[in-house]
N, C-alpha and C. Protein backbone atom coordinates (compact mmCIF):
# COMPACT_ATOMS: atom_id res chain seq x y z
N MET A 1 75.96 -30.76 54.31
CA MET A 1 77.26 -30.09 54.78
C MET A 1 77.42 -28.73 54.41
N LEU A 2 76.72 -28.36 53.21
CA LEU A 2 76.77 -26.96 52.90
C LEU A 2 75.85 -26.17 53.81
N ALA A 3 74.84 -26.74 54.22
CA ALA A 3 73.99 -26.07 55.18
C ALA A 3 74.57 -25.78 56.55
N ASP A 4 75.45 -26.84 56.90
CA ASP A 4 76.29 -26.66 58.15
C ASP A 4 77.23 -25.56 58.09
N LEU A 5 77.88 -25.49 56.90
CA LEU A 5 78.89 -24.35 56.68
C LEU A 5 78.15 -23.02 56.74
N GLU A 6 76.97 -23.01 56.09
CA GLU A 6 76.29 -21.71 56.10
C GLU A 6 75.92 -21.28 57.46
N LYS A 7 75.46 -22.23 58.31
CA LYS A 7 75.08 -21.98 59.63
C LYS A 7 76.37 -21.41 60.44
N ILE A 8 77.58 -22.10 60.23
CA ILE A 8 78.83 -21.70 60.84
C ILE A 8 79.16 -20.34 60.37
N VAL A 9 79.10 -20.02 59.13
CA VAL A 9 79.35 -18.68 58.62
C VAL A 9 78.47 -17.66 59.21
N ALA A 10 77.11 -18.03 59.17
CA ALA A 10 76.22 -17.08 59.86
C ALA A 10 76.49 -16.82 61.30
N ALA A 11 76.81 -17.92 62.00
CA ALA A 11 77.06 -17.67 63.39
C ALA A 11 78.35 -16.93 63.53
N ASP A 12 79.29 -17.14 62.77
CA ASP A 12 80.70 -16.46 62.89
C ASP A 12 80.34 -14.97 62.55
N HIS A 13 79.46 -14.68 61.52
CA HIS A 13 79.23 -13.31 61.12
C HIS A 13 78.43 -12.67 62.35
N GLN A 14 77.52 -13.32 62.93
CA GLN A 14 76.70 -12.75 63.99
C GLN A 14 77.63 -12.46 65.17
N GLY A 15 78.56 -13.52 65.47
CA GLY A 15 79.53 -13.37 66.51
C GLY A 15 80.37 -12.02 66.26
N GLN A 16 80.83 -11.93 65.16
CA GLN A 16 81.82 -10.67 64.87
C GLN A 16 80.92 -9.53 65.06
N GLU A 17 79.68 -9.50 64.63
CA GLU A 17 78.81 -8.31 64.87
C GLU A 17 78.53 -8.02 66.39
N THR A 18 78.36 -9.13 67.14
CA THR A 18 78.25 -8.95 68.54
C THR A 18 79.52 -8.50 69.27
N VAL A 19 80.54 -8.96 68.83
CA VAL A 19 81.82 -8.53 69.29
C VAL A 19 82.13 -7.00 68.97
N ALA A 20 81.77 -6.67 67.76
CA ALA A 20 82.01 -5.24 67.29
C ALA A 20 81.06 -4.45 68.09
N LEU A 21 79.86 -4.79 68.31
CA LEU A 21 78.81 -3.83 69.07
C LEU A 21 79.33 -3.88 70.39
N ALA A 22 79.80 -5.00 71.10
CA ALA A 22 80.34 -4.87 72.43
C ALA A 22 81.49 -3.99 72.55
N SER A 23 82.30 -4.06 71.62
CA SER A 23 83.62 -3.24 71.47
C SER A 23 83.20 -1.81 71.49
N GLN A 24 82.15 -1.48 70.63
CA GLN A 24 81.79 -0.19 70.44
C GLN A 24 81.11 0.53 71.86
N GLU A 25 80.41 -0.57 72.51
CA GLU A 25 79.72 -0.13 73.74
C GLU A 25 80.83 0.11 74.85
N ALA A 26 81.74 -0.78 74.91
CA ALA A 26 82.94 -0.60 75.81
C ALA A 26 83.66 0.65 75.64
N LEU A 27 83.92 1.01 74.35
CA LEU A 27 84.62 2.18 74.09
C LEU A 27 83.82 3.42 74.47
N ALA A 28 82.49 3.32 74.24
CA ALA A 28 81.60 4.42 74.69
C ALA A 28 81.53 4.59 76.26
N LEU A 29 81.54 3.46 76.92
CA LEU A 29 81.56 3.51 78.34
C LEU A 29 82.88 4.03 78.85
N LYS A 30 84.05 3.52 78.20
CA LYS A 30 85.30 4.08 78.59
C LYS A 30 85.50 5.61 78.45
N ARG A 31 84.93 6.15 77.31
CA ARG A 31 84.86 7.55 77.04
C ARG A 31 83.96 8.35 78.21
N GLN A 32 82.90 7.68 78.54
CA GLN A 32 82.02 8.23 79.39
C GLN A 32 82.75 8.29 80.78
N THR A 33 83.32 7.17 81.10
CA THR A 33 83.94 7.06 82.36
C THR A 33 85.21 7.94 82.53
N ASP A 34 86.04 8.16 81.45
CA ASP A 34 87.05 9.07 81.30
C ASP A 34 86.57 10.41 81.57
N ALA A 35 85.47 10.80 80.91
CA ALA A 35 84.95 12.18 81.15
C ALA A 35 84.44 12.42 82.60
N GLN A 36 83.85 11.44 83.14
CA GLN A 36 83.41 11.57 84.56
C GLN A 36 84.70 11.69 85.53
N VAL A 37 85.68 10.91 85.12
CA VAL A 37 86.82 10.94 86.09
C VAL A 37 87.51 12.35 85.90
N GLN A 38 87.58 12.90 84.68
CA GLN A 38 88.18 14.24 84.42
C GLN A 38 87.31 15.28 85.16
N GLU A 39 85.96 15.14 85.13
CA GLU A 39 85.07 16.17 85.80
C GLU A 39 85.34 15.95 87.25
N LEU A 40 85.46 14.68 87.80
CA LEU A 40 85.64 14.65 89.27
C LEU A 40 87.04 15.17 89.72
N GLN A 41 88.01 14.92 88.87
CA GLN A 41 89.42 15.44 89.18
C GLN A 41 89.38 17.03 89.20
N ALA A 42 88.65 17.65 88.17
CA ALA A 42 88.57 19.06 88.21
C ALA A 42 87.76 19.60 89.42
N GLN A 43 86.75 18.87 89.87
CA GLN A 43 86.06 19.13 91.14
C GLN A 43 86.88 19.16 92.34
N LEU A 44 87.55 17.93 92.44
CA LEU A 44 88.46 17.75 93.63
C LEU A 44 89.63 18.80 93.52
N GLN A 45 90.18 19.12 92.51
CA GLN A 45 91.15 20.12 92.37
C GLN A 45 90.59 21.54 92.78
N ALA A 46 89.45 21.83 92.49
CA ALA A 46 88.89 23.11 92.78
C ALA A 46 88.67 23.07 94.34
N GLU A 47 88.21 21.93 94.89
CA GLU A 47 87.91 21.91 96.41
C GLU A 47 89.28 22.03 97.09
N LEU A 48 90.39 21.42 96.46
CA LEU A 48 91.77 21.44 97.11
C LEU A 48 92.16 22.89 97.08
N ASP A 49 91.97 23.47 96.04
CA ASP A 49 92.41 24.93 95.75
C ASP A 49 91.73 26.00 96.84
N GLN A 50 90.48 25.56 96.99
CA GLN A 50 89.58 26.36 97.89
C GLN A 50 90.08 26.13 99.32
N LEU A 51 90.28 24.85 99.69
CA LEU A 51 90.83 24.48 101.05
C LEU A 51 92.29 25.17 101.25
N ARG A 52 93.03 24.99 100.26
CA ARG A 52 94.50 25.52 100.28
C ARG A 52 94.43 27.12 100.53
N GLN A 53 93.62 27.70 99.77
CA GLN A 53 93.30 29.23 99.97
C GLN A 53 92.90 29.52 101.40
N GLY A 54 91.98 28.79 101.94
CA GLY A 54 91.42 29.02 103.30
C GLY A 54 92.53 28.87 104.28
N VAL A 55 93.30 27.72 104.00
CA VAL A 55 94.41 27.56 104.94
C VAL A 55 95.44 28.71 104.96
N GLN A 56 95.81 29.12 103.65
CA GLN A 56 96.79 30.16 103.60
C GLN A 56 96.15 31.40 104.21
N THR A 57 94.99 31.78 103.92
CA THR A 57 94.50 32.95 104.55
C THR A 57 94.44 32.80 106.10
N GLU A 58 94.17 31.67 106.69
CA GLU A 58 94.22 31.54 108.15
C GLU A 58 95.71 31.75 108.59
N ILE A 59 96.59 31.07 107.96
CA ILE A 59 97.95 31.21 108.31
C ILE A 59 98.37 32.58 108.32
N LEU A 60 98.14 33.27 107.27
CA LEU A 60 98.48 34.73 107.04
C LEU A 60 97.77 35.64 108.19
N GLN A 61 96.56 35.28 108.54
CA GLN A 61 96.00 36.10 109.61
C GLN A 61 96.67 35.80 110.95
N GLU A 62 97.11 34.55 111.18
CA GLU A 62 97.71 34.34 112.34
C GLU A 62 99.08 34.96 112.52
N ALA A 63 99.73 34.94 111.31
CA ALA A 63 101.09 35.60 111.17
C ALA A 63 100.83 37.00 111.44
N ASP A 64 99.99 37.58 110.88
CA ASP A 64 99.65 39.05 111.16
C ASP A 64 99.40 39.36 112.53
N LEU A 65 98.63 38.58 113.18
CA LEU A 65 98.30 38.84 114.54
C LEU A 65 99.54 38.54 115.42
N ARG A 66 100.37 37.58 115.16
CA ARG A 66 101.57 37.41 115.88
C ARG A 66 102.53 38.55 115.56
N THR A 67 102.62 39.10 114.31
CA THR A 67 103.45 40.14 114.13
C THR A 67 103.04 41.39 114.86
N GLN A 68 101.64 41.66 115.02
CA GLN A 68 101.22 42.70 115.79
C GLN A 68 101.54 42.60 117.23
N GLU A 69 101.39 41.36 117.72
CA GLU A 69 101.79 41.06 119.27
C GLU A 69 103.25 41.40 119.47
N ILE A 70 104.05 40.94 118.53
CA ILE A 70 105.47 41.20 118.68
C ILE A 70 105.89 42.65 118.51
N ALA A 71 105.18 43.33 117.67
CA ALA A 71 105.50 44.82 117.55
C ALA A 71 105.05 45.63 118.83
N ALA A 72 103.89 45.05 119.42
CA ALA A 72 103.45 45.84 120.53
C ALA A 72 104.38 45.41 121.76
N ALA A 73 104.95 44.26 121.81
CA ALA A 73 105.88 43.86 122.87
C ALA A 73 107.15 44.68 122.72
N THR A 74 107.55 44.74 121.51
CA THR A 74 108.83 45.54 121.23
C THR A 74 108.63 46.98 121.58
N ASP A 75 107.55 47.62 121.16
CA ASP A 75 107.30 48.90 121.53
C ASP A 75 107.26 49.06 123.15
N ARG A 76 106.82 48.15 123.93
CA ARG A 76 106.63 48.18 125.30
C ARG A 76 108.21 48.12 125.86
N GLN A 77 108.94 47.15 125.26
CA GLN A 77 110.32 47.14 125.70
C GLN A 77 111.15 48.50 125.48
N VAL A 78 110.89 48.97 124.21
CA VAL A 78 111.60 50.26 123.96
C VAL A 78 111.25 51.29 124.72
N GLU A 79 109.99 51.47 125.22
CA GLU A 79 109.52 52.49 126.03
C GLU A 79 110.11 52.27 127.48
N GLU A 80 110.16 51.06 127.87
CA GLU A 80 110.86 50.70 129.14
C GLU A 80 112.32 51.12 129.16
N LEU A 81 112.96 50.64 128.04
CA LEU A 81 114.38 50.96 128.02
C LEU A 81 114.64 52.37 127.93
N THR A 82 113.71 53.23 127.20
CA THR A 82 113.92 54.63 127.11
C THR A 82 113.74 55.23 128.58
N ARG A 83 112.77 54.96 129.32
CA ARG A 83 112.50 55.38 130.73
C ARG A 83 113.66 55.01 131.58
N ASN A 84 114.04 53.84 131.52
CA ASN A 84 115.42 53.44 132.37
C ASN A 84 116.46 54.34 131.94
N PHE A 85 116.79 54.57 130.59
CA PHE A 85 117.76 55.42 130.14
C PHE A 85 117.67 56.89 130.65
N GLN A 86 116.40 57.32 130.48
CA GLN A 86 116.27 58.77 130.95
C GLN A 86 116.40 58.83 132.45
N ALA A 87 115.94 57.90 133.26
CA ALA A 87 116.05 57.84 134.69
C ALA A 87 117.65 57.92 135.05
N ARG A 88 118.41 56.96 134.40
CA ARG A 88 119.83 56.95 134.64
C ARG A 88 120.55 58.18 134.23
N GLN A 89 120.09 58.68 133.13
CA GLN A 89 120.69 59.88 132.53
C GLN A 89 120.52 61.04 133.53
N GLY A 90 119.29 61.02 134.20
CA GLY A 90 118.94 62.04 135.10
C GLY A 90 119.78 61.83 136.27
N GLN A 91 119.96 60.69 136.83
CA GLN A 91 120.79 60.34 137.99
C GLN A 91 122.22 60.76 137.65
N ALA A 92 122.75 60.49 136.44
CA ALA A 92 124.23 60.77 136.09
C ALA A 92 124.27 62.28 136.06
N VAL A 93 123.37 62.98 135.56
CA VAL A 93 123.48 64.53 135.55
C VAL A 93 123.45 65.11 136.96
N ALA A 94 122.67 64.45 137.86
CA ALA A 94 122.47 65.03 139.11
C ALA A 94 123.86 64.64 139.85
N ALA A 95 124.44 63.45 139.59
CA ALA A 95 125.69 63.21 140.27
C ALA A 95 126.82 64.05 139.68
N LEU A 96 126.81 64.44 138.51
CA LEU A 96 127.77 65.38 138.01
C LEU A 96 127.68 66.77 138.51
N VAL A 97 126.29 67.16 138.70
CA VAL A 97 126.14 68.47 139.30
C VAL A 97 126.54 68.47 140.66
N ASP A 98 126.31 67.36 141.41
CA ASP A 98 126.82 67.35 142.94
C ASP A 98 128.26 67.24 142.96
N ARG A 99 129.00 66.74 142.03
CA ARG A 99 130.44 66.74 141.98
C ARG A 99 130.93 68.07 141.73
N VAL A 100 130.41 68.75 140.68
CA VAL A 100 130.74 69.98 140.36
C VAL A 100 130.61 71.06 141.42
N LEU A 101 129.42 70.95 141.95
CA LEU A 101 129.17 71.85 143.01
C LEU A 101 129.68 71.41 144.31
N GLY A 102 130.30 70.26 144.45
CA GLY A 102 130.98 69.77 145.70
C GLY A 102 130.05 69.50 146.82
N THR A 103 128.77 69.03 146.50
CA THR A 103 127.87 68.63 147.49
C THR A 103 127.86 67.26 147.71
């Protein structure tokens, strides 16, 4: 009976050691996995930042181009309005001169 108890105690001790070793291995794997996850998250964040910067740059370039197009169209409209104003002003002056001169 004593021999059986010694075997049980030895098996229990070996089981505890095995569980402790497995626990340590699991903890080491968890730490390794956590480190890999953090590294992957950092890489993905860097890629996202790079993509975001590229998109922002593209949007800003498109906005700048559109701004230039609008400015050019505005300049053309101002020039046309100025020409129309000058032509009408000339017509008005000519009409006034005709009135004053009675022609």
